[in-house]
Amino acid sequence: MMKIWIDIDNTICSQEKDYSKAAPFPDRIKEYNLLYDLGHNITYWTSRGTTSGIDWRELTEKQLKEWGVKYHDLKFGKPSYDLLICDKTVNPNAGDLDVR
């Protein structure tokens, strides 16, 4: 079992200035739900509210439920940055996720 942390905006949904208007990406949600079903521990980690100080938990939990997202934990407080360079990252647009 792997511990997998997944971003929300621009990963499983569109990134809108108004988070309530974010639209889900069903194919990605389906792929990440499969990882959950395979027994991996899934945590969604978001920077929603990091800069503004607004608590987006209620809206975010509602969206994840409406979109059918399976997860074990939801974390806020992800730092806001322009580029993450890390040996364990995967670009969701690259289609190179293979942890099965």
PDB file of N, CA and C in Angstrom:
ATOM      1  N   MET A   1       0.835  -1.174   0.000  1.00  0.00           N
ATOM      2  CA  MET A   1       0.000   0.000   0.000  1.00  0.00           C
ATOM      3  C   MET A   1       0.886   1.245   0.000  1.00  0.00           C
ATOM      4  N   MET A   2       0.519   2.196  -0.842  1.00  0.00           N
ATOM      5  CA  MET A   2       1.250   3.461  -0.910  1.00  0.00           C
ATOM      6  C   MET A   2       0.427   4.574  -0.275  1.00  0.00           C
ATOM      7  N   LYS A   3       1.106   5.568   0.270  1.00  0.00           N
ATOM      8  CA  LYS A   3       0.461   6.800   0.719  1.00  0.00           C
ATOM      9  C   LYS A   3       0.546   7.764  -0.452  1.00  0.00           C
ATOM     10  N   ILE A   4      -0.602   8.135  -0.993  1.00  0.00           N
ATOM     11  CA  ILE A   4      -0.635   8.994  -2.173  1.00  0.00           C
ATOM     12  C   ILE A   4      -1.347  10.297  -1.822  1.00  0.00           C
ATOM     13  N   TRP A   5      -0.666  11.408  -2.067  1.00  0.00           N
ATOM     14  CA  TRP A   5      -1.233  12.733  -1.821  1.00  0.00           C
ATOM     15  C   TRP A   5      -1.554  13.355  -3.175  1.00  0.00           C
ATOM     16  N   ILE A   6      -2.771  13.863  -3.310  1.00  0.00           N
ATOM     17  CA  ILE A   6      -3.252  14.384  -4.584  1.00  0.00           C
ATOM     18  C   ILE A   6      -3.757  15.811  -4.392  1.00  0.00           C
ATOM     19  N   ASP A   7      -3.345  16.695  -5.271  1.00  0.00           N
ATOM     20  CA  ASP A   7      -3.831  18.069  -5.289  1.00  0.00           C
ATOM     21  C   ASP A   7      -5.277  18.064  -5.806  1.00  0.00           C
ATOM     22  N   ILE A   8      -5.997  19.142  -5.586  1.00  0.00           N
ATOM     23  CA  ILE A   8      -7.388  19.216  -6.037  1.00  0.00           C
ATOM     24  C   ILE A   8      -7.519  20.068  -7.303  1.00  0.00           C
ATOM     25  N   ASP A   9      -7.244  21.366  -7.193  1.00  0.00           N
ATOM     26  CA  ASP A   9      -7.478  22.286  -8.307  1.00  0.00           C
ATOM     27  C   ASP A   9      -6.464  22.081  -9.424  1.00  0.00           C
ATOM     28  N   ASN A  10      -6.991  21.959 -10.638  1.00  0.00           N
ATOM     29  CA  ASN A  10      -6.224  21.656 -11.851  1.00  0.00           C
ATOM     30  C   ASN A  10      -5.683  20.232 -11.853  1.00  0.00           C
ATOM     31  N   THR A  11      -6.143  19.409 -10.921  1.00  0.00           N
ATOM     32  CA  THR A  11      -5.779  17.995 -10.894  1.00  0.00           C
ATOM     33  C   THR A  11      -7.026  17.134 -11.029  1.00  0.00           C
ATOM     34  N   ILE A  12      -8.027  17.338 -10.158  1.00  0.00           N
ATOM     35  CA  ILE A  12      -9.291  16.594 -10.298  1.00  0.00           C
ATOM     36  C   ILE A  12     -10.448  17.511 -10.690  1.00  0.00           C
ATOM     37  N   CYS A  13     -10.172  18.815 -10.816  1.00  0.00           N
ATOM     38  CA  CYS A  13     -11.209  19.760 -11.244  1.00  0.00           C
ATOM     39  C   CYS A  13     -10.546  20.991 -11.844  1.00  0.00           C
ATOM     40  N   SER A  14     -11.366  21.792 -12.516  1.00  0.00           N
ATOM     41  CA  SER A  14     -10.861  23.042 -13.069  1.00  0.00           C
ATOM     42  C   SER A  14     -10.513  23.994 -11.931  1.00  0.00           C
ATOM     43  N   GLN A  15      -9.604  24.900 -12.211  1.00  0.00           N
ATOM     44  CA  GLN A  15      -9.217  25.880 -11.192  1.00  0.00           C
ATOM     45  C   GLN A  15      -9.900  27.193 -11.519  1.00  0.00           C
ATOM     46  N   GLU A  16     -10.836  27.564 -10.686  1.00  0.00           N
ATOM     47  CA  GLU A  16     -11.592  28.798 -10.870  1.00  0.00           C
ATOM     48  C   GLU A  16     -11.298  29.734  -9.705  1.00  0.00           C
ATOM     49  N   LYS A  17     -11.377  31.036  -9.960  1.00  0.00           N
ATOM     50  CA  LYS A  17     -11.218  31.993  -8.851  1.00  0.00           C
ATOM     51  C   LYS A  17     -12.316  31.775  -7.827  1.00  0.00           C
ATOM     52  N   ASP A  18     -13.497  31.436  -8.307  1.00  0.00           N
ATOM     53  CA  ASP A  18     -14.627  31.096  -7.436  1.00  0.00           C
ATOM     54  C   ASP A  18     -14.679  29.569  -7.373  1.00  0.00           C
ATOM     55  N   TYR A  19     -14.193  28.991  -6.269  1.00  0.00           N
ATOM     56  CA  TYR A  19     -14.099  27.536  -6.150  1.00  0.00           C
ATOM     57  C   TYR A  19     -15.438  26.841  -6.337  1.00  0.00           C
ATOM     58  N   SER A  20     -16.535  27.529  -6.047  1.00  0.00           N
ATOM     59  CA  SER A  20     -17.851  26.901  -6.190  1.00  0.00           C
ATOM     60  C   SER A  20     -18.177  26.602  -7.652  1.00  0.00           C
ATOM     61  N   LYS A  21     -17.447  27.200  -8.577  1.00  0.00           N
ATOM     62  CA  LYS A  21     -17.683  26.976 -10.008  1.00  0.00           C
ATOM     63  C   LYS A  21     -16.730  25.949 -10.609  1.00  0.00           C
ATOM     64  N   ALA A  22     -15.895  25.349  -9.791  1.00  0.00           N
ATOM     65  CA  ALA A  22     -14.952  24.339 -10.289  1.00  0.00           C
ATOM     66  C   ALA A  22     -15.719  23.151 -10.866  1.00  0.00           C
ATOM     67  N   ALA A  23     -15.269  22.673 -12.014  1.00  0.00           N
ATOM     68  CA  ALA A  23     -15.899  21.523 -12.672  1.00  0.00           C
ATOM     69  C   ALA A  23     -14.986  20.304 -12.540  1.00  0.00           C
ATOM     70  N   PRO A  24     -15.559  19.144 -12.194  1.00  0.00           N
ATOM     71  CA  PRO A  24     -14.736  17.944 -12.003  1.00  0.00           C
ATOM     72  C   PRO A  24     -14.171  17.401 -13.312  1.00  0.00           C
ATOM     73  N   PHE A  25     -13.050  16.695 -13.199  1.00  0.00           N
ATOM     74  CA  PHE A  25     -12.453  15.943 -14.302  1.00  0.00           C
ATOM     75  C   PHE A  25     -12.761  14.465 -14.036  1.00  0.00           C
ATOM     76  N   PRO A  26     -13.883  13.945 -14.549  1.00  0.00           N
ATOM     77  CA  PRO A  26     -14.334  12.587 -14.209  1.00  0.00           C
ATOM     78  C   PRO A  26     -13.315  11.483 -14.476  1.00  0.00           C
ATOM     79  N   ASP A  27     -12.560  11.575 -15.562  1.00  0.00           N
ATOM     80  CA  ASP A  27     -11.592  10.514 -15.874  1.00  0.00           C
ATOM     81  C   ASP A  27     -10.490  10.429 -14.822  1.00  0.00           C
ATOM     82  N   ARG A  28     -10.032  11.575 -14.357  1.00  0.00           N
ATOM     83  CA  ARG A  28      -8.988  11.569 -13.323  1.00  0.00           C
ATOM     84  C   ARG A  28      -9.550  11.072 -11.997  1.00  0.00           C
ATOM     85  N   ILE A  29     -10.762  11.516 -11.664  1.00  0.00           N
ATOM     86  CA  ILE A  29     -11.386  11.052 -10.421  1.00  0.00           C
ATOM     87  C   ILE A  29     -11.534   9.535 -10.458  1.00  0.00           C
ATOM     88  N   LYS A  30     -11.955   9.009 -11.589  1.00  0.00           N
ATOM     89  CA  LYS A  30     -12.106   7.554 -11.734  1.00  0.00           C
ATOM     90  C   LYS A  30     -10.758   6.848 -11.535  1.00  0.00           C
ATOM     91  N   GLU A  31      -9.711   7.406 -12.123  1.00  0.00           N
ATOM     92  CA  GLU A  31      -8.375   6.805 -12.008  1.00  0.00           C
ATOM     93  C   GLU A  31      -7.883   6.820 -10.559  1.00  0.00           C
ATOM     94  N   TYR A  32      -8.078   7.933  -9.865  1.00  0.00           N
ATOM     95  CA  TYR A  32      -7.607   8.035  -8.484  1.00  0.00           C
ATOM     96  C   TYR A  32      -8.486   7.224  -7.539  1.00  0.00           C
ATOM     97  N   ASN A  33      -9.788   7.104  -7.863  1.00  0.00           N
ATOM     98  CA  ASN A  33     -10.666   6.236  -7.071  1.00  0.00           C
ATOM     99  C   ASN A  33     -10.220   4.780  -7.176  1.00  0.00           C
ATOM    100  N   LEU A  34      -9.718   4.390  -8.340  1.00  0.00           N
ATOM    101  CA  LEU A  34      -9.211   3.028  -8.512  1.00  0.00           C
ATOM    102  C   LEU A  34      -8.023   2.779  -7.576  1.00  0.00           C
ATOM    103  N   LEU A  35      -7.183   3.773  -7.412  1.00  0.00           N
ATOM    104  CA  LEU A  35      -6.055   3.636  -6.478  1.00  0.00           C
ATOM    105  C   LEU A  35      -6.570   3.399  -5.063  1.00  0.00           C
ATOM    106  N   TYR A  36      -7.623   4.101  -4.688  1.00  0.00           N
ATOM    107  CA  TYR A  36      -8.275   3.903  -3.387  1.00  0.00           C
ATOM    108  C   TYR A  36      -8.789   2.465  -3.295  1.00  0.00           C
ATOM    109  N   ASP A  37      -9.493   2.028  -4.348  1.00  0.00           N
ATOM    110  CA  ASP A  37     -10.064   0.676  -4.365  1.00  0.00           C
ATOM    111  C   ASP A  37      -8.990  -0.409  -4.282  1.00  0.00           C
ATOM    112  N   LEU A  38      -7.808  -0.112  -4.797  1.00  0.00           N
ATOM    113  CA  LEU A  38      -6.700  -1.067  -4.760  1.00  0.00           C
ATOM    114  C   LEU A  38      -6.014  -1.108  -3.395  1.00  0.00           C
ATOM    115  N   GLY A  39      -6.463  -0.264  -2.471  1.00  0.00           N
ATOM    116  CA  GLY A  39      -5.944  -0.308  -1.113  1.00  0.00           C
ATOM    117  C   GLY A  39      -4.929   0.763  -0.757  1.00  0.00           C
ATOM    118  N   HIS A  40      -4.662   1.668  -1.690  1.00  0.00           N
ATOM    119  CA  HIS A  40      -3.729   2.750  -1.387  1.00  0.00           C
ATOM    120  C   HIS A  40      -4.406   3.775  -0.481  1.00  0.00           C
ATOM    121  N   ASN A  41      -3.615   4.446   0.344  1.00  0.00           N
ATOM    122  CA  ASN A  41      -4.128   5.474   1.245  1.00  0.00           C
ATOM    123  C   ASN A  41      -4.107   6.813   0.507  1.00  0.00           C
ATOM    124  N   ILE A  42      -5.294   7.385   0.292  1.00  0.00           N
ATOM    125  CA  ILE A  42      -5.429   8.592  -0.516  1.00  0.00           C
ATOM    126  C   ILE A  42      -5.714   9.805   0.365  1.00  0.00           C
ATOM    127  N   THR A  43      -4.855  10.812   0.242  1.00  0.00           N
ATOM    128  CA  THR A  43      -5.053  12.091   0.919  1.00  0.00           C
ATOM    129  C   THR A  43      -5.112  13.182  -0.141  1.00  0.00           C
ATOM    130  N   TYR A  44      -6.152  13.988  -0.093  1.00  0.00           N
ATOM    131  CA  TYR A  44      -6.222  15.171  -0.950  1.00  0.00           C
ATOM    132  C   TYR A  44      -5.669  16.342  -0.154  1.00  0.00           C
ATOM    133  N   TRP A  45      -4.791  17.118  -0.810  1.00  0.00           N
ATOM    134  CA  TRP A  45      -4.073  18.215  -0.164  1.00  0.00           C
ATOM    135  C   TRP A  45      -4.245  19.450  -1.027  1.00  0.00           C
ATOM    136  N   THR A  46      -4.785  20.516  -0.433  1.00  0.00           N
ATOM    137  CA  THR A  46      -5.098  21.703  -1.212  1.00  0.00           C
ATOM    138  C   THR A  46      -4.537  22.976  -0.604  1.00  0.00           C
ATOM    139  N   SER A  47      -4.303  23.939  -1.464  1.00  0.00           N
ATOM    140  CA  SER A  47      -3.875  25.259  -1.001  1.00  0.00           C
ATOM    141  C   SER A  47      -5.061  26.220  -0.927  1.00  0.00           C
ATOM    142  N   ARG A  48      -6.270  25.680  -1.076  1.00  0.00           N
ATOM    143  CA  ARG A  48      -7.453  26.537  -0.950  1.00  0.00           C
ATOM    144  C   ARG A  48      -7.426  27.233   0.411  1.00  0.00           C
ATOM    145  N   GLY A  49      -7.434  28.541   0.397  1.00  0.00           N
ATOM    146  CA  GLY A  49      -7.447  29.319   1.631  1.00  0.00           C
ATOM    147  C   GLY A  49      -6.081  29.628   2.210  1.00  0.00           C
ATOM    148  N   THR A  50      -5.033  29.059   1.661  1.00  0.00           N
ATOM    149  CA  THR A  50      -3.697  29.284   2.212  1.00  0.00           C
ATOM    150  C   THR A  50      -3.320  30.761   2.183  1.00  0.00           C
ATOM    151  N   THR A  51      -3.582  31.421   1.066  1.00  0.00           N
ATOM    152  CA  THR A  51      -3.228  32.831   0.934  1.00  0.00           C
ATOM    153  C   THR A  51      -4.298  33.745   1.516  1.00  0.00           C
ATOM    154  N   SER A  52      -5.565  33.409   1.272  1.00  0.00           N
ATOM    155  CA  SER A  52      -6.673  34.284   1.684  1.00  0.00           C
ATOM    156  C   SER A  52      -7.067  34.130   3.148  1.00  0.00           C
ATOM    157  N   GLY A  53      -6.794  32.964   3.723  1.00  0.00           N
ATOM    158  CA  GLY A  53      -7.222  32.700   5.093  1.00  0.00           C
ATOM    159  C   GLY A  53      -8.673  32.255   5.198  1.00  0.00           C
ATOM    160  N   ILE A  54      -9.343  32.109   4.064  1.00  0.00           N
ATOM    161  CA  ILE A  54     -10.738  31.662   4.047  1.00  0.00           C
ATOM    162  C   ILE A  54     -10.786  30.154   4.264  1.00  0.00           C
ATOM    163  N   ASP A  55     -11.742  29.704   5.064  1.00  0.00           N
ATOM    164  CA  ASP A  55     -11.923  28.272   5.323  1.00  0.00           C
ATOM    165  C   ASP A  55     -12.826  27.683   4.241  1.00  0.00           C
ATOM    166  N   TRP A  56     -12.245  26.905   3.340  1.00  0.00           N
ATOM    167  CA  TRP A  56     -12.974  26.296   2.228  1.00  0.00           C
ATOM    168  C   TRP A  56     -13.348  24.839   2.500  1.00  0.00           C
ATOM    169  N   ARG A  57     -13.198  24.369   3.732  1.00  0.00           N
ATOM    170  CA  ARG A  57     -13.425  22.958   4.033  1.00  0.00           C
ATOM    171  C   ARG A  57     -14.844  22.505   3.675  1.00  0.00           C
ATOM    172  N   GLU A  58     -15.852  23.231   4.119  1.00  0.00           N
ATOM    173  CA  GLU A  58     -17.230  22.797   3.888  1.00  0.00           C
ATOM    174  C   GLU A  58     -17.531  22.665   2.396  1.00  0.00           C
ATOM    175  N   LEU A  59     -17.176  23.669   1.606  1.00  0.00           N
ATOM    176  CA  LEU A  59     -17.409  23.610   0.163  1.00  0.00           C
ATOM    177  C   LEU A  59     -16.615  22.466  -0.463  1.00  0.00           C
ATOM    178  N   THR A  60     -15.364  22.327  -0.078  1.00  0.00           N
ATOM    179  CA  THR A  60     -14.504  21.301  -0.672  1.00  0.00           C
ATOM    180  C   THR A  60     -15.018  19.898  -0.358  1.00  0.00           C
ATOM    181  N   GLU A  61     -15.401  19.648   0.882  1.00  0.00           N
ATOM    182  CA  GLU A  61     -15.958  18.336   1.241  1.00  0.00           C
ATOM    183  C   GLU A  61     -17.239  18.060   0.461  1.00  0.00           C
ATOM    184  N   LYS A  62     -18.069  19.080   0.298  1.00  0.00           N
ATOM    185  CA  LYS A  62     -19.315  18.935  -0.473  1.00  0.00           C
ATOM    186  C   LYS A  62     -19.003  18.583  -1.927  1.00  0.00           C
ATOM    187  N   GLN A  63     -18.040  19.280  -2.522  1.00  0.00           N
ATOM    188  CA  GLN A  63     -17.663  18.996  -3.904  1.00  0.00           C
ATOM    189  C   GLN A  63     -17.126  17.576  -4.052  1.00  0.00           C
ATOM    190  N   LEU A  64     -16.233  17.174  -3.170  1.00  0.00           N
ATOM    191  CA  LEU A  64     -15.665  15.824  -3.263  1.00  0.00           C
ATOM    192  C   LEU A  64     -16.756  14.769  -3.168  1.00  0.00           C
ATOM    193  N   LYS A  65     -17.729  14.994  -2.302  1.00  0.00           N
ATOM    194  CA  LYS A  65     -18.844  14.054  -2.166  1.00  0.00           C
ATOM    195  C   LYS A  65     -19.690  14.035  -3.441  1.00  0.00           C
ATOM    196  N   GLU A  66     -20.035  15.214  -3.954  1.00  0.00           N
ATOM    197  CA  GLU A  66     -20.849  15.303  -5.177  1.00  0.00           C
ATOM    198  C   GLU A  66     -20.141  14.672  -6.370  1.00  0.00           C
ATOM    199  N   TRP A  67     -18.836  14.808  -6.427  1.00  0.00           N
ATOM    200  CA  TRP A  67     -18.063  14.281  -7.547  1.00  0.00           C
ATOM    201  C   TRP A  67     -17.721  12.806  -7.381  1.00  0.00           C
ATOM    202  N   GLY A  68     -18.079  12.207  -6.247  1.00  0.00           N
ATOM    203  CA  GLY A  68     -17.817  10.786  -6.016  1.00  0.00           C
ATOM    204  C   GLY A  68     -16.360  10.464  -5.739  1.00  0.00           C
ATOM    205  N   VAL A  69     -15.638  11.404  -5.156  1.00  0.00           N
ATOM    206  CA  VAL A  69     -14.213  11.224  -4.875  1.00  0.00           C
ATOM    207  C   VAL A  69     -14.039  10.362  -3.624  1.00  0.00           C
ATOM    208  N   LYS A  70     -13.227   9.312  -3.749  1.00  0.00           N
ATOM    209  CA  LYS A  70     -12.926   8.431  -2.613  1.00  0.00           C
ATOM    210  C   LYS A  70     -11.587   8.851  -2.012  1.00  0.00           C
ATOM    211  N   TYR A  71     -11.566   8.986  -0.691  1.00  0.00           N
ATOM    212  CA  TYR A  71     -10.324   9.395  -0.041  1.00  0.00           C
ATOM    213  C   TYR A  71     -10.370   9.038   1.432  1.00  0.00           C
ATOM    214  N   HIS A  72      -9.202   9.028   2.038  1.00  0.00           N
ATOM    215  CA  HIS A  72      -9.084   8.756   3.467  1.00  0.00           C
ATOM    216  C   HIS A  72      -8.966  10.031   4.281  1.00  0.00           C
ATOM    217  N   ASP A  73      -8.330  11.057   3.703  1.00  0.00           N
ATOM    218  CA  ASP A  73      -8.106  12.288   4.454  1.00  0.00           C
ATOM    219  C   ASP A  73      -8.087  13.476   3.502  1.00  0.00           C
ATOM    220  N   LEU A  74      -8.448  14.633   4.041  1.00  0.00           N
ATOM    221  CA  LEU A  74      -8.420  15.893   3.302  1.00  0.00           C
ATOM    222  C   LEU A  74      -7.616  16.886   4.127  1.00  0.00           C
ATOM    223  N   LYS A  75      -6.564  17.414   3.532  1.00  0.00           N
ATOM    224  CA  LYS A  75      -5.674  18.342   4.232  1.00  0.00           C
ATOM    225  C   LYS A  75      -5.673  19.701   3.528  1.00  0.00           C
ATOM    226  N   PHE A  76      -5.668  20.733   4.338  1.00  0.00           N
ATOM    227  CA  PHE A  76      -5.528  22.096   3.844  1.00  0.00           C
ATOM    228  C   PHE A  76      -4.158  22.607   4.266  1.00  0.00           C
ATOM    229  N   GLY A  77      -3.784  23.802   3.805  1.00  0.00           N
ATOM    230  CA  GLY A  77      -2.513  24.389   4.202  1.00  0.00           C
ATOM    231  C   GLY A  77      -1.366  24.083   3.263  1.00  0.00           C
ATOM    232  N   LYS A  78      -1.679  23.533   2.091  1.00  0.00           N
ATOM    233  CA  LYS A  78      -0.623  23.307   1.107  1.00  0.00           C
ATOM    234  C   LYS A  78      -0.044  24.673   0.727  1.00  0.00           C
ATOM    235  N   PRO A  79       1.261  24.820   0.719  1.00  0.00           N
ATOM    236  CA  PRO A  79       1.836  26.122   0.376  1.00  0.00           C
ATOM    237  C   PRO A  79       1.509  26.518  -1.060  1.00  0.00           C
ATOM    238  N   SER A  80       1.415  27.797  -1.269  1.00  0.00           N
ATOM    239  CA  SER A  80       1.197  28.325  -2.613  1.00  0.00           C
ATOM    240  C   SER A  80       2.564  28.514  -3.275  1.00  0.00           C
ATOM    241  N   TYR A  81       2.752  27.930  -4.456  1.00  0.00           N
ATOM    242  CA  TYR A  81       4.035  28.050  -5.152  1.00  0.00           C
ATOM    243  C   TYR A  81       3.778  28.030  -6.649  1.00  0.00           C
ATOM    244  N   ASP A  82       4.782  28.381  -7.413  1.00  0.00           N
ATOM    245  CA  ASP A  82       4.676  28.379  -8.869  1.00  0.00           C
ATOM    246  C   ASP A  82       5.200  27.091  -9.487  1.00  0.00           C
ATOM    247  N   LEU A  83       6.167  26.470  -8.854  1.00  0.00           N
ATOM    248  CA  LEU A  83       6.764  25.254  -9.402  1.00  0.00           C
ATOM    249  C   LEU A  83       7.249  24.387  -8.256  1.00  0.00           C
ATOM    250  N   LEU A  84       6.915  23.107  -8.311  1.00  0.00           N
ATOM    251  CA  LEU A  84       7.396  22.142  -7.324  1.00  0.00           C
ATOM    252  C   LEU A  84       8.365  21.200  -8.022  1.00  0.00           C
ATOM    253  N   ILE A  85       9.557  21.140  -7.521  1.00  0.00           N
ATOM    254  CA  ILE A  85      10.555  20.209  -8.046  1.00  0.00           C
ATOM    255  C   ILE A  85      10.784  19.176  -6.958  1.00  0.00           C
ATOM    256  N   CYS A  86      10.468  17.924  -7.278  1.00  0.00           N
ATOM    257  CA  CYS A  86      10.512  16.866  -6.274  1.00  0.00           C
ATOM    258  C   CYS A  86      10.714  15.534  -6.981  1.00  0.00           C
ATOM    259  N   ASP A  87      11.374  14.614  -6.315  1.00  0.00           N
ATOM    260  CA  ASP A  87      11.627  13.310  -6.928  1.00  0.00           C
ATOM    261  C   ASP A  87      10.409  12.394  -6.921  1.00  0.00           C
ATOM    262  N   LYS A  88       9.324  12.786  -6.249  1.00  0.00           N
ATOM    263  CA  LYS A  88       8.162  11.907  -6.148  1.00  0.00           C
ATOM    264  C   LYS A  88       6.899  12.508  -6.751  1.00  0.00           C
ATOM    265  N   THR A  89       7.032  13.475  -7.645  1.00  0.00           N
ATOM    266  CA  THR A  89       5.847  14.104  -8.219  1.00  0.00           C
ATOM    267  C   THR A  89       5.476  13.481  -9.558  1.00  0.00           C
ATOM    268  N   VAL A  90       4.189  13.590  -9.887  1.00  0.00           N
ATOM    269  CA  VAL A  90       3.660  13.121 -11.159  1.00  0.00           C
ATOM    270  C   VAL A  90       2.804  14.243 -11.724  1.00  0.00           C
ATOM    271  N   ASN A  91       3.004  14.569 -12.979  1.00  0.00           N
ATOM    272  CA  ASN A  91       2.177  15.564 -13.643  1.00  0.00           C
ATOM    273  C   ASN A  91       0.891  14.886 -14.104  1.00  0.00           C
ATOM    274  N   PRO A  92      -0.286  15.325 -13.605  1.00  0.00           N
ATOM    275  CA  PRO A  92      -1.528  14.653 -13.981  1.00  0.00           C
ATOM    276  C   PRO A  92      -1.849  14.773 -15.466  1.00  0.00           C
ATOM    277  N   ASN A  93      -1.243  15.733 -16.152  1.00  0.00           N
ATOM    278  CA  ASN A  93      -1.483  15.905 -17.584  1.00  0.00           C
ATOM    279  C   ASN A  93      -0.619  14.979 -18.431  1.00  0.00           C
ATOM    280  N   ALA A  94       0.396  14.389 -17.842  1.00  0.00           N
ATOM    281  CA  ALA A  94       1.347  13.580 -18.603  1.00  0.00           C
ATOM    282  C   ALA A  94       0.882  12.141 -18.814  1.00  0.00           C
ATOM    283  N   GLY A  95      -0.079  11.698 -18.017  1.00  0.00           N
ATOM    284  CA  GLY A  95      -0.577  10.336 -18.174  1.00  0.00           C
ATOM    285  C   GLY A  95       0.431   9.271 -17.784  1.00  0.00           C
ATOM    286  N   ASP A  96       1.358   9.607 -16.883  1.00  0.00           N
ATOM    287  CA  ASP A  96       2.408   8.643 -16.530  1.00  0.00           C
ATOM    288  C   ASP A  96       2.216   8.032 -15.145  1.00  0.00           C
ATOM    289  N   LEU A  97       0.986   8.011 -14.670  1.00  0.00           N
ATOM    290  CA  LEU A  97       0.710   7.435 -13.358  1.00  0.00           C
ATOM    291  C   LEU A  97       0.520   5.929 -13.490  1.00  0.00           C
ATOM    292  N   ASP A  98       1.387   5.173 -12.843  1.00  0.00           N
ATOM    293  CA  ASP A  98       1.261   3.718 -12.863  1.00  0.00           C
ATOM    294  C   ASP A  98       1.765   3.172 -11.533  1.00  0.00           C
ATOM    295  N   VAL A  99       0.854   3.102 -10.556  1.00  0.00           N
ATOM    296  CA  VAL A  99       1.236   2.604  -9.234  1.00  0.00           C
ATOM    297  C   VAL A  99       0.470   1.342  -8.873  1.00  0.00           C
ATOM    298  N   ARG A 100      -0.170   0.740  -9.839  1.00  0.00           N
ATOM    299  CA  ARG A 100      -0.983  -0.436  -9.571  1.00  0.00           C
ATOM    300  C   ARG A 100      -0.086  -1.612  -9.341  1.00  0.00           C
TER     301      ARG A 100
END
